[in-house]
Amino acid sequence: MTSVHTIYGLLKKLKAQGFSIILISHKLDEIFDICDRVTVLRDGKKIGSKKVSETNEKELIKMMIGRELTADSLSKYLKSAIV
C-alpha cells in the first residue's frame, strides 16, 4: 500500500468519525471518493461550491478552467505539452 493510499484511508476513517477535513486537490477521483462538498478556486477567487453528489467531473472541470473541455481543446493541450 502506498503512502497516498494510507493517507486517504486515514481521511476516510476520520470522516466516518465526524471530523471535518479540508482537502486541496486537483485529482477529481479523490474528490468524488472522499469529499461531501467541493469548492473551486481559480485565480484566487471562489468560483463556486457544490455537493459532490449533485455535480459531475464535466461541471467541475468547467469551473476549474473557465470553459468546457472539448476533445479539440484537449488535443491541442496534449500536443503542446508533449514538446
C-alpha atoms as a PDB file:
ATOM      1  CA  MET A   1       0.000   0.000   0.000  1.00  0.00           C
ATOM      2  CA  THR A   2       1.408   3.403  -0.957  1.00  0.00           C
ATOM      3  CA  SER A   3       1.612   6.319   1.428  1.00  0.00           C
ATOM      4  CA  VAL A   4      -1.091   8.117  -0.594  1.00  0.00           C
ATOM      5  CA  HIS A   5      -3.476   5.192  -0.071  1.00  0.00           C
ATOM      6  CA  THR A   6      -2.608   5.181   3.630  1.00  0.00           C
ATOM      7  CA  ILE A   7      -3.372   8.897   3.943  1.00  0.00           C
ATOM      8  CA  TYR A   8      -6.673   8.612   2.089  1.00  0.00           C
ATOM      9  CA  GLY A   9      -7.650   5.616   4.183  1.00  0.00           C
ATOM     10  CA  LEU A  10      -6.999   7.683   7.296  1.00  0.00           C
ATOM     11  CA  LEU A  11      -9.039  10.603   5.889  1.00  0.00           C
ATOM     12  CA  LYS A  12     -11.971   8.269   5.232  1.00  0.00           C
ATOM     13  CA  LYS A  13     -11.799   6.938   8.817  1.00  0.00           C
ATOM     14  CA  LEU A  14     -11.720  10.470  10.236  1.00  0.00           C
ATOM     15  CA  LYS A  15     -14.650  11.464   8.020  1.00  0.00           C
ATOM     16  CA  ALA A  16     -16.634   8.447   9.256  1.00  0.00           C
ATOM     17  CA  GLN A  17     -15.972   9.608  12.830  1.00  0.00           C
ATOM     18  CA  GLY A  18     -17.458  13.019  12.044  1.00  0.00           C
ATOM     19  CA  PHE A  19     -14.295  15.078  11.609  1.00  0.00           C
ATOM     20  CA  SER A  20     -14.266  17.962   9.135  1.00  0.00           C
ATOM     21  CA  ILE A  21     -11.412  17.825   6.653  1.00  0.00           C
ATOM     22  CA  ILE A  22     -10.166  20.360   4.137  1.00  0.00           C
ATOM     23  CA  LEU A  23      -8.592  18.572   1.188  1.00  0.00           C
ATOM     24  CA  ILE A  24      -6.824  20.552  -1.511  1.00  0.00           C
ATOM     25  CA  SER A  25      -6.544  18.500  -4.687  1.00  0.00           C
ATOM     26  CA  HIS A  26      -6.992  18.696  -8.430  1.00  0.00           C
ATOM     27  CA  LYS A  27      -7.475  14.933  -8.684  1.00  0.00           C
ATOM     28  CA  LEU A  28     -11.177  14.552  -9.327  1.00  0.00           C
ATOM     29  CA  ASP A  29     -11.300  10.847  -8.498  1.00  0.00           C
ATOM     30  CA  GLU A  30     -10.074  11.673  -4.987  1.00  0.00           C
ATOM     31  CA  ILE A  31     -12.626  14.478  -4.651  1.00  0.00           C
ATOM     32  CA  PHE A  32     -15.517  12.208  -5.633  1.00  0.00           C
ATOM     33  CA  ASP A  33     -14.236   9.376  -3.440  1.00  0.00           C
ATOM     34  CA  ILE A  34     -13.601  11.314  -0.225  1.00  0.00           C
ATOM     35  CA  CYS A  35     -15.481  14.612  -0.199  1.00  0.00           C
ATOM     36  CA  ASP A  36     -19.069  15.621   0.543  1.00  0.00           C
ATOM     37  CA  ARG A  37     -18.667  19.175  -0.787  1.00  0.00           C
ATOM     38  CA  VAL A  38     -16.291  20.781  -3.264  1.00  0.00           C
ATOM     39  CA  THR A  39     -15.306  24.425  -3.672  1.00  0.00           C
ATOM     40  CA  VAL A  40     -13.442  25.504  -6.793  1.00  0.00           C
ATOM     41  CA  LEU A  41     -10.969  28.369  -6.601  1.00  0.00           C
ATOM     42  CA  ARG A  42      -9.431  29.883  -9.724  1.00  0.00           C
ATOM     43  CA  ASP A  43      -7.048  32.848  -9.861  1.00  0.00           C
ATOM     44  CA  GLY A  44      -7.587  33.476  -6.155  1.00  0.00           C
ATOM     45  CA  LYS A  45     -11.368  33.718  -6.471  1.00  0.00           C
ATOM     46  CA  LYS A  46     -14.135  31.399  -5.365  1.00  0.00           C
ATOM     47  CA  ILE A  47     -15.845  30.117  -8.496  1.00  0.00           C
ATOM     48  CA  GLY A  48     -18.456  28.010  -6.748  1.00  0.00           C
ATOM     49  CA  SER A  49     -19.331  25.313  -4.247  1.00  0.00           C
ATOM     50  CA  LYS A  50     -21.343  22.138  -4.830  1.00  0.00           C
ATOM     51  CA  LYS A  51     -22.356  18.994  -3.033  1.00  0.00           C
ATOM     52  CA  VAL A  52     -20.296  16.244  -4.636  1.00  0.00           C
ATOM     53  CA  SER A  53     -23.457  14.173  -5.042  1.00  0.00           C
ATOM     54  CA  GLU A  54     -25.016  16.989  -7.109  1.00  0.00           C
ATOM     55  CA  THR A  55     -22.198  17.567  -9.602  1.00  0.00           C
ATOM     56  CA  ASN A  56     -20.019  15.657 -12.041  1.00  0.00           C
ATOM     57  CA  GLU A  57     -16.491  15.763 -13.473  1.00  0.00           C
ATOM     58  CA  LYS A  58     -17.543  17.742 -16.545  1.00  0.00           C
ATOM     59  CA  GLU A  59     -19.100  20.502 -14.429  1.00  0.00           C
ATOM     60  CA  LEU A  60     -16.100  20.704 -12.086  1.00  0.00           C
ATOM     61  CA  ILE A  61     -13.644  20.847 -14.986  1.00  0.00           C
ATOM     62  CA  LYS A  62     -15.646  23.715 -16.491  1.00  0.00           C
ATOM     63  CA  MET A  63     -15.492  25.525 -13.136  1.00  0.00           C
ATOM     64  CA  MET A  64     -11.752  24.826 -12.845  1.00  0.00           C
ATOM     65  CA  ILE A  65     -10.690  26.014 -16.302  1.00  0.00           C
ATOM     66  CA  GLY A  66     -13.431  28.537 -17.064  1.00  0.00           C
ATOM     67  CA  ARG A  67     -14.757  26.792 -20.170  1.00  0.00           C
ATOM     68  CA  GLU A  68     -15.933  23.403 -21.340  1.00  0.00           C
ATOM     69  CA  LEU A  69     -13.193  20.930 -22.098  1.00  0.00           C
ATOM     70  CA  THR A  70     -13.746  19.687 -25.621  1.00  0.00           C
ATOM     71  CA  ALA A  71     -11.891  16.945 -27.465  1.00  0.00           C
ATOM     72  CA  ASP A  72     -10.339  19.626 -29.677  1.00  0.00           C
ATOM     73  CA  SER A  73      -9.052  21.745 -26.770  1.00  0.00           C
ATOM     74  CA  LEU A  74      -7.726  18.638 -25.018  1.00  0.00           C
ATOM     75  CA  SER A  75      -5.923  17.549 -28.176  1.00  0.00           C
ATOM     76  CA  LYS A  76      -4.305  20.994 -28.543  1.00  0.00           C
ATOM     77  CA  TYR A  77      -3.239  20.942 -24.903  1.00  0.00           C
ATOM     78  CA  LEU A  78      -1.710  17.469 -25.147  1.00  0.00           C
ATOM     79  CA  LYS A  79       0.190  18.382 -28.334  1.00  0.00           C
ATOM     80  CA  SER A  80       1.656  21.484 -26.679  1.00  0.00           C
ATOM     81  CA  ALA A  81       2.577  19.514 -23.546  1.00  0.00           C
ATOM     82  CA  ILE A  82       4.488  16.815 -25.462  1.00  0.00           C
ATOM     83  CA  VAL A  83       7.278  19.038 -26.715  1.00  0.00           C
END
